[in-house]
N, C-alpha and C. Protein backbone atom coordinates (compact mmCIF):
# COMPACT_ATOMS: atom_id res chain seq x y z
N MET A 1 11.26 -5.99 -14.83
CA MET A 1 10.14 -5.41 -14.16
C MET A 1 8.67 -5.84 -14.53
N ALA A 2 7.75 -6.07 -13.36
CA ALA A 2 6.63 -6.66 -13.87
C ALA A 2 5.64 -5.60 -13.05
N THR A 3 4.68 -5.11 -13.84
CA THR A 3 3.67 -3.31 -13.42
C THR A 3 2.07 -4.20 -13.62
N SER A 4 1.78 -3.81 -12.23
CA SER A 4 0.38 -4.15 -12.17
C SER A 4 -0.51 -3.05 -11.92
N ILE A 5 -1.97 -2.79 -12.02
CA ILE A 5 -2.65 -1.65 -11.60
C ILE A 5 -3.96 -2.21 -11.02
N GLN A 6 -4.38 -1.78 -9.93
CA GLN A 6 -6.08 -2.21 -9.37
C GLN A 6 -6.60 -0.69 -9.08
N ALA A 7 -7.69 -1.21 -9.01
CA ALA A 7 -8.85 -0.42 -8.25
C ALA A 7 -9.32 -0.52 -6.99
N ILE A 8 -9.10 -0.65 -5.54
CA ILE A 8 -9.29 -1.26 -4.65
C ILE A 8 -10.37 -0.44 -3.67
N THR A 9 -11.65 -0.79 -3.58
CA THR A 9 -12.33 -0.33 -3.04
C THR A 9 -12.11 -0.75 -0.82
N ILE A 10 -11.76 0.48 -0.70
CA ILE A 10 -11.38 0.80 0.63
C ILE A 10 -12.60 1.10 1.68
N THR A 11 -12.46 0.09 2.94
CA THR A 11 -13.60 0.28 3.77
C THR A 11 -12.94 0.54 5.03
N THR A 12 -14.02 0.56 6.21
CA THR A 12 -13.65 0.89 7.28
C THR A 12 -12.72 -0.30 8.11
N THR A 13 -12.59 -1.44 7.48
CA THR A 13 -11.54 -2.42 7.85
C THR A 13 -10.37 -2.50 7.15
N ALA A 14 -9.20 -2.41 7.65
CA ALA A 14 -8.12 -2.35 7.28
C ALA A 14 -7.84 -3.60 6.15
N GLN A 15 -7.39 -3.36 5.23
CA GLN A 15 -7.03 -4.48 4.36
C GLN A 15 -5.68 -3.95 3.38
N SER A 16 -5.00 -5.66 3.31
CA SER A 16 -3.33 -5.31 2.24
C SER A 16 -3.78 -4.63 1.19
N ILE A 17 -3.21 -3.52 0.98
CA ILE A 17 -3.05 -2.64 -0.57
C ILE A 17 -1.79 -3.57 -1.45
N VAL A 18 -0.52 -3.66 -0.81
CA VAL A 18 0.24 -4.11 -1.66
C VAL A 18 1.09 -5.24 -0.79
N GLY A 19 1.20 -6.29 -0.96
CA GLY A 19 1.40 -7.65 -0.38
C GLY A 19 2.80 -7.77 -0.33
N ILE A 20 3.55 -8.62 0.66
CA ILE A 20 4.77 -8.74 1.09
C ILE A 20 5.37 -9.58 -0.17
N ASP A 21 6.40 -8.96 -0.54
CA ASP A 21 7.23 -9.79 -2.01
C ASP A 21 8.64 -9.78 -1.42
N ASN A 22 9.42 -10.40 -2.33
CA ASN A 22 10.70 -10.79 -1.82
C ASN A 22 11.74 -9.95 -2.79
N VAL A 23 10.92 -8.88 -3.62
CA VAL A 23 11.74 -7.85 -4.00
C VAL A 23 11.03 -6.50 -4.17
N GLU A 24 11.80 -5.15 -4.40
CA GLU A 24 11.45 -4.10 -3.62
C GLU A 24 10.10 -3.51 -4.59
N GLN A 25 9.31 -2.98 -4.28
CA GLN A 25 8.51 -2.53 -5.34
C GLN A 25 8.34 -0.81 -5.33
N TYR A 26 8.04 -0.46 -6.44
CA TYR A 26 7.46 0.92 -6.24
C TYR A 26 6.00 1.16 -6.37
N VAL A 27 5.65 1.92 -5.64
CA VAL A 27 4.16 2.22 -5.76
C VAL A 27 3.33 3.65 -5.93
N THR A 28 2.61 3.53 -6.50
CA THR A 28 1.89 5.01 -6.58
C THR A 28 0.70 4.61 -6.20
N LEU A 29 0.03 5.63 -5.24
CA LEU A 29 -1.37 5.56 -4.74
C LEU A 29 -2.18 6.57 -5.52
N HIS A 30 -3.25 6.58 -5.83
CA HIS A 30 -4.54 7.98 -5.80
C HIS A 30 -5.52 7.38 -5.42
N SER A 31 -6.12 8.55 -4.36
CA SER A 31 -6.87 8.03 -3.70
C SER A 31 -8.29 8.95 -4.24
N ASN A 32 -9.31 8.57 -4.21
CA ASN A 32 -10.62 8.81 -4.69
C ASN A 32 -11.41 8.99 -3.51
N GLY A 33 -11.24 9.68 -2.56
CA GLY A 33 -11.60 9.48 -1.19
C GLY A 33 -10.63 9.82 0.04
N SER A 34 -10.98 9.92 1.19
CA SER A 34 -9.94 9.85 2.41
C SER A 34 -9.61 8.64 2.61
N THR A 35 -8.63 8.28 2.63
CA THR A 35 -7.53 6.81 2.65
C THR A 35 -6.64 7.12 3.77
N TYR A 36 -6.36 6.06 4.88
CA TYR A 36 -5.14 6.13 5.69
C TYR A 36 -4.41 5.15 5.14
N ILE A 37 -2.88 4.85 5.22
CA ILE A 37 -2.02 3.72 4.90
C ILE A 37 -1.36 3.94 6.14
N GLY A 38 -0.89 1.98 5.98
CA GLY A 38 0.10 1.97 7.38
C GLY A 38 0.41 0.61 7.37
N ALA A 39 1.24 0.00 8.72
CA ALA A 39 0.90 -1.22 8.66
C ALA A 39 -0.39 -2.24 8.90
N SER A 40 -0.41 -3.25 9.15
CA SER A 40 -1.31 -4.07 9.39
C SER A 40 -2.63 -3.43 10.33
N ASN A 41 -2.25 -3.06 11.39
CA ASN A 41 -3.10 -2.49 12.09
C ASN A 41 -3.28 -1.06 12.39
N VAL A 42 -3.34 -0.35 10.99
CA VAL A 42 -3.29 0.76 10.55
C VAL A 42 -4.85 1.12 11.03
N THR A 43 -5.09 2.38 11.54
CA THR A 43 -6.76 3.09 11.66
C THR A 43 -6.53 4.38 11.29
N SER A 44 -7.65 5.33 11.40
CA SER A 44 -7.63 6.43 10.72
C SER A 44 -7.04 7.44 11.82
N ASP A 45 -6.43 6.98 13.02
CA ASP A 45 -5.96 7.64 13.92
C ASP A 45 -4.39 7.65 13.88
N SER A 46 -3.92 6.38 13.33
CA SER A 46 -2.83 6.15 13.35
C SER A 46 -1.94 5.98 11.93
N GLY A 47 -2.76 6.17 11.09
CA GLY A 47 -1.93 6.11 9.67
C GLY A 47 -1.72 7.31 9.13
N ILE A 48 -1.40 7.18 7.85
CA ILE A 48 -0.70 8.37 6.98
C ILE A 48 -1.99 8.96 6.19
N HIS A 49 -2.39 9.92 6.54
CA HIS A 49 -3.54 10.22 5.45
C HIS A 49 -3.34 10.67 3.96
N VAL A 50 -4.37 10.14 3.31
CA VAL A 50 -4.00 10.24 1.84
C VAL A 50 -5.15 10.76 1.39
N GLN A 51 -5.09 12.16 1.08
CA GLN A 51 -6.35 12.90 0.75
C GLN A 51 -7.34 12.77 -0.30
N ASN A 52 -8.42 12.96 -0.21
CA ASN A 52 -9.22 12.91 -1.97
C ASN A 52 -8.61 13.63 -2.86
N GLY A 53 -8.27 12.69 -4.10
CA GLY A 53 -7.25 13.57 -4.98
C GLY A 53 -5.92 13.28 -5.35
N GLU A 54 -5.42 13.16 -4.23
CA GLU A 54 -3.71 13.18 -4.17
C GLU A 54 -3.21 11.82 -4.25
N THR A 55 -1.99 11.84 -4.99
CA THR A 55 -1.29 10.96 -5.36
C THR A 55 -0.08 10.92 -4.58
N LEU A 56 0.44 9.82 -3.96
CA LEU A 56 1.53 9.46 -3.31
C LEU A 56 2.37 8.44 -4.02
N GLN A 57 3.89 8.54 -3.93
CA GLN A 57 4.57 7.57 -4.48
C GLN A 57 5.45 7.36 -3.31
N LEU A 58 5.64 5.66 -3.12
CA LEU A 58 6.45 5.15 -2.20
C LEU A 58 7.06 3.89 -2.67
N THR A 59 8.32 3.65 -1.95
CA THR A 59 9.06 2.53 -2.23
C THR A 59 8.94 1.31 -1.06
N ILE A 60 8.30 0.62 -1.45
CA ILE A 60 8.18 -0.62 0.03
C ILE A 60 9.02 -1.71 -0.50
N SER A 61 9.86 -1.36 0.67
CA SER A 61 11.18 -2.47 0.96
C SER A 61 10.82 -4.10 0.70
N GLU A 62 11.63 -4.67 0.34
CA GLU A 62 11.42 -6.21 0.29
C GLU A 62 10.82 -6.92 1.58
N GLY A 63 10.21 -7.43 1.75
CA GLY A 63 9.84 -8.06 2.72
C GLY A 63 8.41 -7.15 3.75
N CYS A 64 8.54 -6.11 2.96
CA CYS A 64 7.32 -5.49 3.64
C CYS A 64 5.90 -5.40 2.82
N ASP A 65 4.92 -4.73 3.89
CA ASP A 65 3.86 -4.82 2.89
C ASP A 65 2.62 -3.54 3.23
N LEU A 66 1.60 -3.12 2.79
CA LEU A 66 1.17 -1.98 2.81
C LEU A 66 -0.46 -2.31 3.19
N TRP A 67 -1.05 -1.28 4.09
CA TRP A 67 -2.55 -1.84 4.37
C TRP A 67 -2.84 -0.24 4.42
N ALA A 68 -4.38 -0.47 4.30
CA ALA A 68 -5.45 0.91 4.12
C ALA A 68 -6.39 0.67 4.65
N ILE A 69 -7.15 2.09 5.33
CA ILE A 69 -8.48 1.92 5.74
C ILE A 69 -8.78 3.33 5.53
N ALA A 70 -10.78 3.23 5.28
CA ALA A 70 -11.03 4.38 5.63
C ALA A 70 -12.14 4.98 6.75
N ALA A 71 -11.56 6.16 7.08
CA ALA A 71 -12.07 6.46 7.93
C ALA A 71 -13.65 6.75 8.16
N SER A 72 -14.43 6.50 7.22
CA SER A 72 -15.68 6.15 7.00
C SER A 72 -16.32 6.03 5.97
N GLY A 73 -17.30 5.24 6.08
CA GLY A 73 -17.78 4.84 4.52
C GLY A 73 -16.89 4.09 3.67
N THR A 74 -16.93 4.32 2.25
CA THR A 74 -15.98 3.59 1.37
C THR A 74 -15.56 4.68 0.50
N ASN A 75 -14.84 4.01 -0.48
CA ASN A 75 -13.77 4.89 -1.08
C ASN A 75 -12.78 4.09 -2.25
N THR A 76 -12.37 4.52 -3.22
CA THR A 76 -11.39 3.93 -3.98
C THR A 76 -9.95 4.29 -4.29
N LEU A 77 -9.36 3.34 -4.13
CA LEU A 77 -7.90 3.93 -4.07
C LEU A 77 -7.33 2.95 -5.75
N ARG A 78 -6.59 3.67 -6.39
CA ARG A 78 -5.88 3.31 -7.20
C ARG A 78 -4.19 2.65 -6.87
N VAL A 79 -3.74 1.62 -7.42
CA VAL A 79 -2.60 1.44 -6.65
C VAL A 79 -2.03 0.90 -7.99
N LEU A 80 -0.96 1.46 -8.47
CA LEU A 80 0.10 1.07 -9.39
C LEU A 80 1.38 0.41 -8.96
N LYS A 81 1.83 -0.36 -9.23
CA LYS A 81 2.99 -1.53 -8.60
C LYS A 81 3.80 -1.62 -9.56
N VAL A 82 5.47 -1.69 -8.91
CA VAL A 82 6.41 -2.08 -10.43
C VAL A 82 7.14 -2.75 -9.48
N ARG A 83 7.01 -4.28 -9.81
CA ARG A 83 8.14 -4.93 -8.82
C ARG A 83 9.82 -4.81 -10.02
N VAL A 84 10.70 -4.37 -9.03
CA VAL A 84 11.87 -4.48 -9.46
C VAL A 84 12.63 -6.14 -8.98
N GLU A 85 12.76 -6.33 -10.21
CA GLU A 85 13.49 -8.02 -10.03
C GLU A 85 14.89 -8.22 -10.73
């Protein structure tokens, strides 16, 4: 298993936070601000809301990715990824 952690600045433009991989990924997100997650076309109206201070754990299937956007301003999203090899 390979593990990585990033602090990503989230803006009002959707950006990739977990890239497509050929293995399953376990992901833990911690938001320091109001963040919305979803597919590459995510918006603050369509995304899943990750509230300020909230931690969320997800399993990202092989061949899938995850994107994020802020409704306004900028915030920081901490992303811990564990690749299941």
